[in-house]
Amino acid sequence: MQSVRSGLRKGEVEKDTYGRLSCSNCGESLKTRNDPSEVYSIRSCPDCGSSWKDI
């Protein structure tokens, strides 16, 4: 699993002017899953299932 920052550099994730992240393949906004036992949260696309770490 890649980080959100590397996804932005590769063009897999897009950020709009308000800072919202979206999947560049589907155009859907990313959903956040935050596990309290982990340091990072998971940002995932509901349509294609791709996911990225948000540290």
PDB file of N, CA and C in Angstrom:
ATOM      1  N   MET A   1       0.848  -1.171   0.000  1.00  0.00           N
ATOM      2  CA  MET A   1       0.000   0.000   0.000  1.00  0.00           C
ATOM      3  C   MET A   1       0.893   1.233   0.000  1.00  0.00           C
ATOM      4  N   GLN A   2       0.582   2.155  -0.854  1.00  0.00           N
ATOM      5  CA  GLN A   2       1.358   3.377  -0.991  1.00  0.00           C
ATOM      6  C   GLN A   2       0.782   4.475  -0.100  1.00  0.00           C
ATOM      7  N   SER A   3       1.549   5.524   0.069  1.00  0.00           N
ATOM      8  CA  SER A   3       1.060   6.669   0.820  1.00  0.00           C
ATOM      9  C   SER A   3       0.269   7.592  -0.115  1.00  0.00           C
ATOM     10  N   VAL A   4      -0.523   8.446   0.468  1.00  0.00           N
ATOM     11  CA  VAL A   4      -1.315   9.409  -0.303  1.00  0.00           C
ATOM     12  C   VAL A   4      -0.393  10.359  -1.059  1.00  0.00           C
ATOM     13  N   ARG A   5       0.709  10.736  -0.423  1.00  0.00           N
ATOM     14  CA  ARG A   5       1.659  11.654  -1.049  1.00  0.00           C
ATOM     15  C   ARG A   5       2.258  11.062  -2.320  1.00  0.00           C
ATOM     16  N   SER A   6       2.625   9.769  -2.288  1.00  0.00           N
ATOM     17  CA  SER A   6       3.168   9.141  -3.497  1.00  0.00           C
ATOM     18  C   SER A   6       2.074   8.956  -4.548  1.00  0.00           C
ATOM     19  N   GLY A   7       0.838   8.728  -4.124  1.00  0.00           N
ATOM     20  CA  GLY A   7      -0.279   8.653  -5.058  1.00  0.00           C
ATOM     21  C   GLY A   7      -0.533   9.968  -5.764  1.00  0.00           C
ATOM     22  N   LEU A   8      -0.336  11.081  -5.049  1.00  0.00           N
ATOM     23  CA  LEU A   8      -0.476  12.396  -5.669  1.00  0.00           C
ATOM     24  C   LEU A   8       0.614  12.626  -6.707  1.00  0.00           C
ATOM     25  N   ARG A   9       1.847  12.215  -6.387  1.00  0.00           N
ATOM     26  CA  ARG A   9       2.955  12.397  -7.334  1.00  0.00           C
ATOM     27  C   ARG A   9       2.785  11.549  -8.587  1.00  0.00           C
ATOM     28  N   LYS A  10       2.250  10.326  -8.435  1.00  0.00           N
ATOM     29  CA  LYS A  10       2.073   9.422  -9.574  1.00  0.00           C
ATOM     30  C   LYS A  10       0.814   9.728 -10.376  1.00  0.00           C
ATOM     31  N   GLY A  11      -0.067  10.561  -9.846  1.00  0.00           N
ATOM     32  CA  GLY A  11      -1.288  10.920 -10.550  1.00  0.00           C
ATOM     33  C   GLY A  11      -2.441   9.982 -10.286  1.00  0.00           C
ATOM     34  N   GLU A  12      -2.324   9.110  -9.283  1.00  0.00           N
ATOM     35  CA  GLU A  12      -3.405   8.193  -8.933  1.00  0.00           C
ATOM     36  C   GLU A  12      -4.466   8.871  -8.081  1.00  0.00           C
ATOM     37  N   VAL A  13      -4.061   9.908  -7.351  1.00  0.00           N
ATOM     38  CA  VAL A  13      -4.950  10.658  -6.465  1.00  0.00           C
ATOM     39  C   VAL A  13      -4.895  12.123  -6.889  1.00  0.00           C
ATOM     40  N   GLU A  14      -6.051  12.778  -6.870  1.00  0.00           N
ATOM     41  CA  GLU A  14      -6.126  14.195  -7.211  1.00  0.00           C
ATOM     42  C   GLU A  14      -6.633  14.972  -6.006  1.00  0.00           C
ATOM     43  N   LYS A  15      -6.176  16.214  -5.890  1.00  0.00           N
ATOM     44  CA  LYS A  15      -6.614  17.092  -4.811  1.00  0.00           C
ATOM     45  C   LYS A  15      -7.263  18.316  -5.441  1.00  0.00           C
ATOM     46  N   ASP A  16      -8.469  18.673  -4.966  1.00  0.00           N
ATOM     47  CA  ASP A  16      -9.129  19.856  -5.512  1.00  0.00           C
ATOM     48  C   ASP A  16      -8.710  21.101  -4.738  1.00  0.00           C
ATOM     49  N   THR A  17      -9.290  22.234  -5.067  1.00  0.00           N
ATOM     50  CA  THR A  17      -8.883  23.497  -4.453  1.00  0.00           C
ATOM     51  C   THR A  17      -9.236  23.573  -2.968  1.00  0.00           C
ATOM     52  N   TYR A  18     -10.174  22.748  -2.507  1.00  0.00           N
ATOM     53  CA  TYR A  18     -10.553  22.733  -1.100  1.00  0.00           C
ATOM     54  C   TYR A  18      -9.793  21.688  -0.302  1.00  0.00           C
ATOM     55  N   GLY A  19      -8.879  20.939  -0.935  1.00  0.00           N
ATOM     56  CA  GLY A  19      -8.075  19.936  -0.238  1.00  0.00           C
ATOM     57  C   GLY A  19      -8.695  18.565  -0.178  1.00  0.00           C
ATOM     58  N   ARG A  20      -9.817  18.365  -0.852  1.00  0.00           N
ATOM     59  CA  ARG A  20     -10.451  17.040  -0.852  1.00  0.00           C
ATOM     60  C   ARG A  20      -9.717  16.133  -1.823  1.00  0.00           C
ATOM     61  N   LEU A  21      -9.530  14.883  -1.433  1.00  0.00           N
ATOM     62  CA  LEU A  21      -8.837  13.908  -2.263  1.00  0.00           C
ATOM     63  C   LEU A  21      -9.845  13.062  -3.026  1.00  0.00           C
ATOM     64  N   SER A  22      -9.510  12.760  -4.289  1.00  0.00           N
ATOM     65  CA  SER A  22     -10.370  11.910  -5.094  1.00  0.00           C
ATOM     66  C   SER A  22      -9.512  10.973  -5.929  1.00  0.00           C
ATOM     67  N   CYS A  23     -10.075   9.838  -6.300  1.00  0.00           N
ATOM     68  CA  CYS A  23      -9.408   8.849  -7.138  1.00  0.00           C
ATOM     69  C   CYS A  23      -9.409   9.365  -8.574  1.00  0.00           C
ATOM     70  N   SER A  24      -8.258   9.354  -9.230  1.00  0.00           N
ATOM     71  CA  SER A  24      -8.214   9.882 -10.596  1.00  0.00           C
ATOM     72  C   SER A  24      -8.773   8.888 -11.605  1.00  0.00           C
ATOM     73  N   ASN A  25      -8.845   7.598 -11.265  1.00  0.00           N
ATOM     74  CA  ASN A  25      -9.438   6.617 -12.178  1.00  0.00           C
ATOM     75  C   ASN A  25     -10.957   6.729 -12.206  1.00  0.00           C
ATOM     76  N   CYS A  26     -11.580   6.841 -11.039  1.00  0.00           N
ATOM     77  CA  CYS A  26     -13.042   6.840 -10.930  1.00  0.00           C
ATOM     78  C   CYS A  26     -13.636   8.243 -10.815  1.00  0.00           C
ATOM     79  N   GLY A  27     -12.888   9.161 -10.201  1.00  0.00           N
ATOM     80  CA  GLY A  27     -13.407  10.496  -9.952  1.00  0.00           C
ATOM     81  C   GLY A  27     -14.181  10.590  -8.656  1.00  0.00           C
ATOM     82  N   GLU A  28     -14.243   9.515  -7.877  1.00  0.00           N
ATOM     83  CA  GLU A  28     -14.965   9.508  -6.604  1.00  0.00           C
ATOM     84  C   GLU A  28     -14.076  10.038  -5.490  1.00  0.00           C
ATOM     85  N   SER A  29     -14.689  10.691  -4.497  1.00  0.00           N
ATOM     86  CA  SER A  29     -13.911  11.170  -3.361  1.00  0.00           C
ATOM     87  C   SER A  29     -13.549   9.987  -2.469  1.00  0.00           C
ATOM     88  N   LEU A  30     -12.387  10.079  -1.837  1.00  0.00           N
ATOM     89  CA  LEU A  30     -11.874   8.986  -1.021  1.00  0.00           C
ATOM     90  C   LEU A  30     -12.520   8.980   0.352  1.00  0.00           C
ATOM     91  N   LYS A  31     -12.802   7.801   0.861  1.00  0.00           N
ATOM     92  CA  LYS A  31     -13.365   7.624   2.194  1.00  0.00           C
ATOM     93  C   LYS A  31     -12.227   7.335   3.168  1.00  0.00           C
ATOM     94  N   THR A  32     -12.386   7.735   4.421  1.00  0.00           N
ATOM     95  CA  THR A  32     -11.354   7.558   5.435  1.00  0.00           C
ATOM     96  C   THR A  32     -11.779   6.486   6.430  1.00  0.00           C
ATOM     97  N   ARG A  33     -10.842   5.574   6.713  1.00  0.00           N
ATOM     98  CA  ARG A  33     -11.039   4.571   7.758  1.00  0.00           C
ATOM     99  C   ARG A  33      -9.902   4.748   8.752  1.00  0.00           C
ATOM    100  N   ASN A  34     -10.221   5.078  10.003  1.00  0.00           N
ATOM    101  CA  ASN A  34      -9.220   5.360  11.015  1.00  0.00           C
ATOM    102  C   ASN A  34      -9.264   4.284  12.091  1.00  0.00           C
ATOM    103  N   ASP A  35      -8.188   3.487  12.193  1.00  0.00           N
ATOM    104  CA  ASP A  35      -8.070   2.455  13.214  1.00  0.00           C
ATOM    105  C   ASP A  35      -7.312   3.052  14.396  1.00  0.00           C
ATOM    106  N   PRO A  36      -7.893   3.090  15.598  1.00  0.00           N
ATOM    107  CA  PRO A  36      -7.220   3.731  16.735  1.00  0.00           C
ATOM    108  C   PRO A  36      -5.915   3.052  17.147  1.00  0.00           C
ATOM    109  N   SER A  37      -5.721   1.791  16.790  1.00  0.00           N
ATOM    110  CA  SER A  37      -4.488   1.097  17.177  1.00  0.00           C
ATOM    111  C   SER A  37      -3.340   1.369  16.212  1.00  0.00           C
ATOM    112  N   GLU A  38      -3.602   2.015  15.078  1.00  0.00           N
ATOM    113  CA  GLU A  38      -2.574   2.316  14.078  1.00  0.00           C
ATOM    114  C   GLU A  38      -2.251   3.809  14.080  1.00  0.00           C
ATOM    115  N   VAL A  39      -1.058   4.147  13.622  1.00  0.00           N
ATOM    116  CA  VAL A  39      -0.624   5.539  13.550  1.00  0.00           C
ATOM    117  C   VAL A  39      -1.238   6.234  12.340  1.00  0.00           C
ATOM    118  N   TYR A  40      -1.496   5.496  11.287  1.00  0.00           N
ATOM    119  CA  TYR A  40      -1.987   6.065  10.035  1.00  0.00           C
ATOM    120  C   TYR A  40      -3.467   5.728   9.840  1.00  0.00           C
ATOM    121  N   SER A  41      -4.093   6.457   8.933  1.00  0.00           N
ATOM    122  CA  SER A  41      -5.468   6.136   8.535  1.00  0.00           C
ATOM    123  C   SER A  41      -5.437   5.687   7.079  1.00  0.00           C
ATOM    124  N   ILE A  42      -6.455   4.958   6.669  1.00  0.00           N
ATOM    125  CA  ILE A  42      -6.543   4.415   5.321  1.00  0.00           C
ATOM    126  C   ILE A  42      -7.533   5.240   4.525  1.00  0.00           C
ATOM    127  N   ARG A  43      -7.103   5.752   3.373  1.00  0.00           N
ATOM    128  CA  ARG A  43      -7.982   6.468   2.439  1.00  0.00           C
ATOM    129  C   ARG A  43      -8.268   5.513   1.297  1.00  0.00           C
ATOM    130  N   SER A  44      -9.527   5.209   1.031  1.00  0.00           N
ATOM    131  CA  SER A  44      -9.861   4.230   0.001  1.00  0.00           C
ATOM    132  C   SER A  44     -10.971   4.744  -0.901  1.00  0.00           C
ATOM    133  N   CYS A  45     -10.948   4.252  -2.145  1.00  0.00           N
ATOM    134  CA  CYS A  45     -11.962   4.595  -3.129  1.00  0.00           C
ATOM    135  C   CYS A  45     -13.108   3.587  -3.010  1.00  0.00           C
ATOM    136  N   PRO A  46     -14.348   4.039  -2.881  1.00  0.00           N
ATOM    137  CA  PRO A  46     -15.462   3.109  -2.742  1.00  0.00           C
ATOM    138  C   PRO A  46     -15.777   2.354  -4.034  1.00  0.00           C
ATOM    139  N   ASP A  47     -15.429   2.897  -5.204  1.00  0.00           N
ATOM    140  CA  ASP A  47     -15.755   2.233  -6.468  1.00  0.00           C
ATOM    141  C   ASP A  47     -14.731   1.180  -6.858  1.00  0.00           C
ATOM    142  N   CYS A  48     -13.458   1.560  -7.000  1.00  0.00           N
ATOM    143  CA  CYS A  48     -12.457   0.618  -7.510  1.00  0.00           C
ATOM    144  C   CYS A  48     -11.725  -0.134  -6.413  1.00  0.00           C
ATOM    145  N   GLY A  49     -11.821   0.287  -5.148  1.00  0.00           N
ATOM    146  CA  GLY A  49     -11.204  -0.427  -4.043  1.00  0.00           C
ATOM    147  C   GLY A  49      -9.743  -0.105  -3.816  1.00  0.00           C
ATOM    148  N   SER A  50      -9.169   0.839  -4.534  1.00  0.00           N
ATOM    149  CA  SER A  50      -7.774   1.237  -4.306  1.00  0.00           C
ATOM    150  C   SER A  50      -7.660   1.934  -2.962  1.00  0.00           C
ATOM    151  N   SER A  51      -6.514   1.770  -2.300  1.00  0.00           N
ATOM    152  CA  SER A  51      -6.352   2.397  -0.995  1.00  0.00           C
ATOM    153  C   SER A  51      -4.938   2.926  -0.831  1.00  0.00           C
ATOM    154  N   TRP A  52      -4.824   3.964   0.023  1.00  0.00           N
ATOM    155  CA  TRP A  52      -3.569   4.634   0.301  1.00  0.00           C
ATOM    156  C   TRP A  52      -3.491   4.934   1.782  1.00  0.00           C
ATOM    157  N   LYS A  53      -2.267   4.979   2.337  1.00  0.00           N
ATOM    158  CA  LYS A  53      -2.045   5.348   3.724  1.00  0.00           C
ATOM    159  C   LYS A  53      -1.953   6.863   3.834  1.00  0.00           C
ATOM    160  N   ASP A  54      -2.568   7.399   4.860  1.00  0.00           N
ATOM    161  CA  ASP A  54      -2.488   8.821   5.155  1.00  0.00           C
ATOM    162  C   ASP A  54      -1.818   8.967   6.519  1.00  0.00           C
ATOM    163  N   ILE A  55      -0.550   9.377   6.508  1.00  0.00           N
ATOM    164  CA  ILE A  55       0.224   9.439   7.759  1.00  0.00           C
ATOM    165  C   ILE A  55       0.115  10.816   8.363  1.00  0.00           C
TER     166      ILE A  55
END
